[in-house]
PDB file of N, CA and C in Angstrom:
ATOM      1  N   MET A   1      38.485 -60.144 -23.971  1.00  0.00           N
ATOM      2  CA  MET A   1      39.933 -60.241 -23.994  1.00  0.00           C
ATOM      3  C   MET A   1      40.579 -58.868 -24.177  1.00  0.00           C
ATOM      4  N   SER A   2      39.946 -57.992 -24.971  1.00  0.00           N
ATOM      5  CA  SER A   2      40.545 -56.673 -25.181  1.00  0.00           C
ATOM      6  C   SER A   2      40.486 -55.834 -23.903  1.00  0.00           C
ATOM      7  N   ALA A   3      39.475 -56.052 -23.063  1.00  0.00           N
ATOM      8  CA  ALA A   3      39.406 -55.324 -21.791  1.00  0.00           C
ATOM      9  C   ALA A   3      40.586 -55.715 -20.900  1.00  0.00           C
ATOM     10  N   LEU A   4      40.940 -56.976 -20.907  1.00  0.00           N
ATOM     11  CA  LEU A   4      42.087 -57.443 -20.138  1.00  0.00           C
ATOM     12  C   LEU A   4      43.374 -56.819 -20.658  1.00  0.00           C
ATOM     13  N   LEU A   5      43.520 -56.742 -21.961  1.00  0.00           N
ATOM     14  CA  LEU A   5      44.708 -56.118 -22.544  1.00  0.00           C
ATOM     15  C   LEU A   5      44.786 -54.637 -22.196  1.00  0.00           C
ATOM     16  N   ASP A   6      43.641 -53.954 -22.170  1.00  0.00           N
ATOM     17  CA  ASP A   6      43.624 -52.540 -21.783  1.00  0.00           C
ATOM     18  C   ASP A   6      44.084 -52.359 -20.335  1.00  0.00           C
ATOM     19  N   VAL A   7      43.636 -53.234 -19.453  1.00  0.00           N
ATOM     20  CA  VAL A   7      44.042 -53.165 -18.048  1.00  0.00           C
ATOM     21  C   VAL A   7      45.542 -53.418 -17.916  1.00  0.00           C
ATOM     22  N   LEU A   8      46.048 -54.415 -18.614  1.00  0.00           N
ATOM     23  CA  LEU A   8      47.479 -54.718 -18.547  1.00  0.00           C
ATOM     24  C   LEU A   8      48.320 -53.575 -19.094  1.00  0.00           C
ATOM     25  N   ARG A   9      47.864 -52.938 -20.142  1.00  0.00           N
ATOM     26  CA  ARG A   9      48.587 -51.785 -20.692  1.00  0.00           C
ATOM     27  C   ARG A   9      48.594 -50.626 -19.705  1.00  0.00           C
ATOM     28  N   SER A  10      47.470 -50.399 -19.032  1.00  0.00           N
ATOM     29  CA  SER A  10      47.415 -49.294 -18.067  1.00  0.00           C
ATOM     30  C   SER A  10      48.308 -49.573 -16.863  1.00  0.00           C
ATOM     31  N   ILE A  11      48.420 -50.819 -16.448  1.00  0.00           N
ATOM     32  CA  ILE A  11      49.311 -51.169 -15.345  1.00  0.00           C
ATOM     33  C   ILE A  11      50.757 -50.943 -15.756  1.00  0.00           C
ATOM     34  N   ARG A  12      51.095 -51.333 -16.946  1.00  0.00           N
ATOM     35  CA  ARG A  12      52.455 -51.180 -17.441  1.00  0.00           C
ATOM     36  C   ARG A  12      52.828 -49.705 -17.552  1.00  0.00           C
ATOM     37  N   LYS A  13      51.868 -48.861 -17.891  1.00  0.00           N
ATOM     38  CA  LYS A  13      52.132 -47.436 -18.047  1.00  0.00           C
ATOM     39  C   LYS A  13      52.175 -46.706 -16.709  1.00  0.00           C
ATOM     40  N   SER A  14      51.647 -47.319 -15.658  1.00  0.00           N
ATOM     41  CA  SER A  14      51.608 -46.612 -14.377  1.00  0.00           C
ATOM     42  C   SER A  14      53.020 -46.382 -13.865  1.00  0.00           C
ATOM     43  N   GLY A  15      53.171 -45.333 -13.068  1.00  0.00           N
ATOM     44  CA  GLY A  15      54.475 -44.989 -12.551  1.00  0.00           C
ATOM     45  C   GLY A  15      55.244 -44.053 -13.452  1.00  0.00           C
ATOM     46  N   GLN A  16      54.645 -43.613 -14.551  1.00  0.00           N
ATOM     47  CA  GLN A  16      55.337 -42.743 -15.480  1.00  0.00           C
ATOM     48  C   GLN A  16      55.044 -41.275 -15.219  1.00  0.00           C
ATOM     49  N   GLY A  17      53.993 -40.985 -14.503  1.00  0.00           N
ATOM     50  CA  GLY A  17      53.637 -39.596 -14.249  1.00  0.00           C
ATOM     51  C   GLY A  17      54.451 -39.023 -13.102  1.00  0.00           C
ATOM     52  N   PRO A  18      54.552 -37.699 -13.026  1.00  0.00           N
ATOM     53  CA  PRO A  18      55.284 -37.082 -11.917  1.00  0.00           C
ATOM     54  C   PRO A  18      54.521 -37.249 -10.604  1.00  0.00           C
ATOM     55  N   LEU A  19      55.250 -37.384  -9.514  1.00  0.00           N
ATOM     56  CA  LEU A  19      54.637 -37.563  -8.205  1.00  0.00           C
ATOM     57  C   LEU A  19      54.539 -36.226  -7.495  1.00  0.00           C
ATOM     58  N   SER A  20      53.419 -36.018  -6.802  1.00  0.00           N
ATOM     59  CA  SER A  20      53.217 -34.754  -6.101  1.00  0.00           C
ATOM     60  C   SER A  20      52.797 -35.011  -4.655  1.00  0.00           C
ATOM     61  N   CYS A  21      52.985 -33.995  -3.849  1.00  0.00           N
ATOM     62  CA  CYS A  21      52.671 -34.039  -2.422  1.00  0.00           C
ATOM     63  C   CYS A  21      51.152 -34.043  -2.224  1.00  0.00           C
ATOM     64  N   PRO A  22      50.620 -34.908  -1.336  1.00  0.00           N
ATOM     65  CA  PRO A  22      49.177 -34.911  -1.089  1.00  0.00           C
ATOM     66  C   PRO A  22      48.700 -33.700  -0.281  1.00  0.00           C
ATOM     67  N   GLN A  23      49.608 -32.966   0.363  1.00  0.00           N
ATOM     68  CA  GLN A  23      49.209 -31.802   1.158  1.00  0.00           C
ATOM     69  C   GLN A  23      49.228 -30.510   0.356  1.00  0.00           C
ATOM     70  N   CYS A  24      50.319 -30.262  -0.391  1.00  0.00           N
ATOM     71  CA  CYS A  24      50.436 -28.968  -1.071  1.00  0.00           C
ATOM     72  C   CYS A  24      50.469 -29.080  -2.597  1.00  0.00           C
ATOM     73  N   GLY A  25      50.661 -30.278  -3.134  1.00  0.00           N
ATOM     74  CA  GLY A  25      50.664 -30.465  -4.581  1.00  0.00           C
ATOM     75  C   GLY A  25      52.010 -30.243  -5.249  1.00  0.00           C
ATOM     76  N   ALA A  26      53.043 -29.912  -4.485  1.00  0.00           N
ATOM     77  CA  ALA A  26      54.379 -29.714  -5.052  1.00  0.00           C
ATOM     78  C   ALA A  26      55.016 -31.067  -5.376  1.00  0.00           C
ATOM     79  N   ALA A  27      56.058 -31.047  -6.165  1.00  0.00           N
ATOM     80  CA  ALA A  27      56.772 -32.275  -6.512  1.00  0.00           C
ATOM     81  C   ALA A  27      57.443 -32.849  -5.265  1.00  0.00           C
ATOM     82  N   VAL A  28      57.444 -34.173  -5.162  1.00  0.00           N
ATOM     83  CA  VAL A  28      58.090 -34.843  -4.034  1.00  0.00           C
ATOM     84  C   VAL A  28      59.315 -35.596  -4.518  1.00  0.00           C
ATOM     85  N   LYS A  29      60.223 -35.831  -3.590  1.00  0.00           N
ATOM     86  CA  LYS A  29      61.405 -36.640  -3.862  1.00  0.00           C
ATOM     87  C   LYS A  29      61.309 -37.909  -3.044  1.00  0.00           C
ATOM     88  N   ARG A  30      61.896 -38.953  -3.557  1.00  0.00           N
ATOM     89  CA  ARG A  30      61.925 -40.224  -2.858  1.00  0.00           C
ATOM     90  C   ARG A  30      63.131 -40.240  -1.929  1.00  0.00           C
ATOM     91  N   SER A  31      62.925 -40.632  -0.674  1.00  0.00           N
ATOM     92  CA  SER A  31      64.066 -40.764   0.230  1.00  0.00           C
ATOM     93  C   SER A  31      64.859 -41.993  -0.205  1.00  0.00           C
ATOM     94  N   ARG A  32      66.107 -42.033   0.148  1.00  0.00           N
ATOM     95  CA  ARG A  32      66.989 -43.104  -0.331  1.00  0.00           C
ATOM     96  C   ARG A  32      67.528 -43.963   0.811  1.00  0.00           C
ATOM     97  N   ALA A  33      66.647 -44.686   1.475  1.00  0.00           N
ATOM     98  CA  ALA A  33      67.073 -45.630   2.503  1.00  0.00           C
ATOM     99  C   ALA A  33      67.533 -46.915   1.813  1.00  0.00           C
ATOM    100  N   PRO A  34      68.519 -47.610   2.370  1.00  0.00           N
ATOM    101  CA  PRO A  34      69.073 -48.797   1.705  1.00  0.00           C
ATOM    102  C   PRO A  34      68.058 -49.904   1.411  1.00  0.00           C
ATOM    103  N   LEU A  35      67.121 -50.140   2.300  1.00  0.00           N
ATOM    104  CA  LEU A  35      66.168 -51.239   2.116  1.00  0.00           C
ATOM    105  C   LEU A  35      64.820 -50.775   1.584  1.00  0.00           C
ATOM    106  N   GLU A  36      64.722 -49.517   1.241  1.00  0.00           N
ATOM    107  CA  GLU A  36      63.464 -48.933   0.791  1.00  0.00           C
ATOM    108  C   GLU A  36      63.038 -49.504  -0.565  1.00  0.00           C
ATOM    109  N   GLY A  37      61.776 -49.861  -0.664  1.00  0.00           N
ATOM    110  CA  GLY A  37      61.252 -50.437  -1.890  1.00  0.00           C
ATOM    111  C   GLY A  37      61.443 -51.941  -1.959  1.00  0.00           C
ATOM    112  N   TRP A  38      62.184 -52.475  -1.020  1.00  0.00           N
ATOM    113  CA  TRP A  38      62.410 -53.915  -0.987  1.00  0.00           C
ATOM    114  C   TRP A  38      61.756 -54.478   0.263  1.00  0.00           C
ATOM    115  N   ILE A  39      62.285 -54.124   1.436  1.00  0.00           N
ATOM    116  CA  ILE A  39      61.684 -54.553   2.699  1.00  0.00           C
ATOM    117  C   ILE A  39      60.793 -53.446   3.254  1.00  0.00           C
ATOM    118  N   LEU A  40      61.272 -52.216   3.174  1.00  0.00           N
ATOM    119  CA  LEU A  40      60.528 -51.062   3.677  1.00  0.00           C
ATOM    120  C   LEU A  40      59.742 -50.402   2.554  1.00  0.00           C
ATOM    121  N   PRO A  41      58.608 -49.791   2.872  1.00  0.00           N
ATOM    122  CA  PRO A  41      57.869 -49.063   1.828  1.00  0.00           C
ATOM    123  C   PRO A  41      58.633 -47.805   1.404  1.00  0.00           C
ATOM    124  N   ILE A  42      58.342 -47.323   0.216  1.00  0.00           N
ATOM    125  CA  ILE A  42      58.990 -46.119  -0.304  1.00  0.00           C
ATOM    126  C   ILE A  42      58.449 -44.908   0.449  1.00  0.00           C
ATOM    127  N   ARG A  43      59.349 -44.052   0.901  1.00  0.00           N
ATOM    128  CA  ARG A  43      58.964 -42.840   1.636  1.00  0.00           C
ATOM    129  C   ARG A  43      59.250 -41.629   0.761  1.00  0.00           C
ATOM    130  N   TYR A  44      58.294 -40.696   0.741  1.00  0.00           N
ATOM    131  CA  TYR A  44      58.411 -39.501  -0.090  1.00  0.00           C
ATOM    132  C   TYR A  44      58.590 -38.268   0.783  1.00  0.00           C
ATOM    133  N   LEU A  45      59.388 -37.308   0.290  1.00  0.00           N
ATOM    134  CA  LEU A  45      59.680 -36.079   1.014  1.00  0.00           C
ATOM    135  C   LEU A  45      59.323 -34.882   0.156  1.00  0.00           C
ATOM    136  N   CYS A  46      58.653 -33.890   0.751  1.00  0.00           N
ATOM    137  CA  CYS A  46      58.307 -32.650   0.063  1.00  0.00           C
ATOM    138  C   CYS A  46      59.146 -31.523   0.655  1.00  0.00           C
ATOM    139  N   GLU A  47      59.883 -30.837  -0.199  1.00  0.00           N
ATOM    140  CA  GLU A  47      60.721 -29.734   0.270  1.00  0.00           C
ATOM    141  C   GLU A  47      59.913 -28.458   0.493  1.00  0.00           C
ATOM    142  N   GLU A  48      58.738 -28.359  -0.096  1.00  0.00           N
ATOM    143  CA  GLU A  48      57.915 -27.150   0.036  1.00  0.00           C
ATOM    144  C   GLU A  48      57.235 -27.053   1.406  1.00  0.00           C
ATOM    145  N   CYS A  49      56.523 -28.108   1.802  1.00  0.00           N
ATOM    146  CA  CYS A  49      55.751 -28.043   3.048  1.00  0.00           C
ATOM    147  C   CYS A  49      56.317 -28.925   4.163  1.00  0.00           C
ATOM    148  N   GLY A  50      57.338 -29.725   3.868  1.00  0.00           N
ATOM    149  CA  GLY A  50      57.940 -30.571   4.886  1.00  0.00           C
ATOM    150  C   GLY A  50      57.266 -31.924   5.054  1.00  0.00           C
ATOM    151  N   TYR A  51      56.341 -32.275   4.171  1.00  0.00           N
ATOM    152  CA  TYR A  51      55.653 -33.570   4.250  1.00  0.00           C
ATOM    153  C   TYR A  51      56.664 -34.705   4.114  1.00  0.00           C
ATOM    154  N   ALA A  52      56.517 -35.712   4.943  1.00  0.00           N
ATOM    155  CA  ALA A  52      57.293 -36.942   4.851  1.00  0.00           C
ATOM    156  C   ALA A  52      56.323 -38.083   5.107  1.00  0.00           C
ATOM    157  N   GLY A  53      56.118 -38.922   4.111  1.00  0.00           N
ATOM    158  CA  GLY A  53      55.168 -40.011   4.272  1.00  0.00           C
ATOM    159  C   GLY A  53      55.269 -41.019   3.149  1.00  0.00           C
ATOM    160  N   PHE A  54      54.403 -42.004   3.212  1.00  0.00           N
ATOM    161  CA  PHE A  54      54.447 -43.115   2.278  1.00  0.00           C
ATOM    162  C   PHE A  54      53.473 -42.957   1.117  1.00  0.00           C
ATOM    163  N   LEU A  55      52.776 -41.835   1.061  1.00  0.00           N
ATOM    164  CA  LEU A  55      51.785 -41.607   0.017  1.00  0.00           C
ATOM    165  C   LEU A  55      52.203 -40.427  -0.844  1.00  0.00           C
ATOM    166  N   ALA A  56      52.181 -40.626  -2.156  1.00  0.00           N
ATOM    167  CA  ALA A  56      52.423 -39.543  -3.112  1.00  0.00           C
ATOM    168  C   ALA A  56      51.402 -39.704  -4.228  1.00  0.00           C
ATOM    169  N   LEU A  57      50.926 -38.605  -4.747  1.00  0.00           N
ATOM    170  CA  LEU A  57      49.921 -38.633  -5.804  1.00  0.00           C
ATOM    171  C   LEU A  57      50.598 -38.599  -7.163  1.00  0.00           C
ATOM    172  N   GLU A  58      50.122 -39.441  -8.065  1.00  0.00           N
ATOM    173  CA  GLU A  58      50.664 -39.466  -9.424  1.00  0.00           C
ATOM    174  C   GLU A  58      49.777 -38.624 -10.325  1.00  0.00           C
ATOM    175  N   LYS A  59      50.368 -37.647 -10.966  1.00  0.00           N
ATOM    176  CA  LYS A  59      49.614 -36.816 -11.905  1.00  0.00           C
ATOM    177  C   LYS A  59      49.531 -37.552 -13.229  1.00  0.00           C
ATOM    178  N   GLN A  60      48.311 -37.736 -13.706  1.00  0.00           N
ATOM    179  CA  GLN A  60      48.110 -38.443 -14.962  1.00  0.00           C
ATOM    180  C   GLN A  60      48.326 -37.504 -16.129  1.00  0.00           C
ATOM    181  N   GLN A  61      49.016 -38.014 -17.132  1.00  0.00           N
ATOM    182  CA  GLN A  61      49.209 -37.256 -18.354  1.00  0.00           C
ATOM    183  C   GLN A  61      48.234 -37.809 -19.376  1.00  0.00           C
ATOM    184  N   HIS A  62      47.352 -36.952 -19.866  1.00  0.00           N
ATOM    185  CA  HIS A  62      46.333 -37.386 -20.811  1.00  0.00           C
ATOM    186  C   HIS A  62      46.912 -37.429 -22.214  1.00  0.00           C
ATOM    187  N   ASP A  63      46.594 -38.495 -22.937  1.00  0.00           N
ATOM    188  CA  ASP A  63      47.027 -38.610 -24.331  1.00  0.00           C
ATOM    189  C   ASP A  63      46.214 -37.657 -25.185  1.00  0.00           C
ATOM    190  N   GLU A  64      46.893 -36.907 -26.023  1.00  0.00           N
ATOM    191  CA  GLU A  64      46.181 -35.964 -26.893  1.00  0.00           C
ATOM    192  C   GLU A  64      46.447 -36.293 -28.337  1.00  0.00           C
TER     193      GLU A  64
END
Protein backbone atom coordinates (compact mmCIF):
# COMPACT_ATOMS: atom_id res chain seq x y z
CA MET A 1 0.00 0.00 0.00
CA SER A 2 2.85 2.42 0.73
CA ALA A 3 4.27 1.84 -2.77
CA LEU A 4 0.94 2.95 -4.22
CA LEU A 5 0.96 6.06 -2.05
CA ASP A 6 4.50 6.87 -3.21
CA VAL A 7 3.41 6.61 -6.85
CA LEU A 8 0.38 8.82 -6.25
CA ARG A 9 2.52 11.43 -4.50
CA SER A 10 5.01 11.46 -7.38
CA ILE A 11 2.19 11.93 -9.90
CA ARG A 12 0.77 14.80 -7.90
CA LYS A 13 4.19 16.45 -7.74
CA SER A 14 4.83 16.12 -11.47
CA GLY A 15 4.59 19.25 -13.54
CA GLN A 16 6.34 21.36 -10.93
CA GLY A 17 9.78 21.39 -12.49
CA PRO A 18 10.88 23.88 -15.15
CA LEU A 19 10.46 22.77 -18.76
CA SER A 20 13.39 22.80 -21.15
CA CYS A 21 13.95 22.38 -24.87
CA PRO A 22 14.86 18.83 -26.01
CA GLN A 23 17.30 20.24 -28.61
CA CYS A 24 19.30 22.91 -26.77
CA GLY A 25 18.22 22.63 -23.11
CA ALA A 26 17.02 26.25 -22.82
CA ALA A 27 13.74 27.13 -21.12
CA VAL A 28 10.64 26.77 -23.31
CA LYS A 29 7.40 28.70 -23.34
CA ARG A 30 3.98 27.26 -23.92
CA SER A 31 2.14 28.58 -26.97
CA ARG A 32 -1.30 29.96 -26.20
CA ALA A 33 -3.76 28.53 -28.71
CA PRO A 34 -7.42 28.72 -27.58
CA LEU A 35 -8.06 24.96 -27.63
CA GLU A 36 -4.59 23.90 -26.52
CA GLY A 37 -4.50 21.46 -23.63
CA TRP A 38 -8.15 20.63 -24.13
CA ILE A 39 -8.67 19.38 -27.70
CA LEU A 40 -5.18 20.07 -29.06
CA PRO A 41 -1.95 18.94 -27.40
CA ILE A 42 0.20 21.56 -25.67
CA ARG A 43 2.84 23.03 -27.99
CA TYR A 44 6.13 24.38 -26.67
CA LEU A 45 8.31 27.10 -28.20
CA CYS A 46 12.03 27.73 -27.64
CA GLU A 47 13.28 31.25 -28.26
CA GLU A 48 16.94 30.16 -28.27
CA CYS A 49 17.00 27.60 -31.10
CA GLY A 50 13.56 28.06 -32.67
CA TYR A 51 12.22 24.64 -31.62
CA ALA A 52 8.44 24.30 -31.85
CA GLY A 53 6.95 20.98 -30.86
CA PHE A 54 4.85 18.96 -28.48
CA LEU A 55 7.70 17.61 -26.36
CA ALA A 56 9.43 19.46 -23.52
CA LEU A 57 11.73 17.98 -20.90
CA GLU A 58 10.97 18.50 -17.22
CA LYS A 59 14.00 19.13 -15.05
CA GLN A 60 13.65 17.27 -11.79
CA GLN A 61 14.42 19.09 -8.59
CA HIS A 62 16.00 16.75 -6.07
CA ASP A 63 14.92 17.02 -2.44
CA GLU A 64 17.85 17.84 -0.20
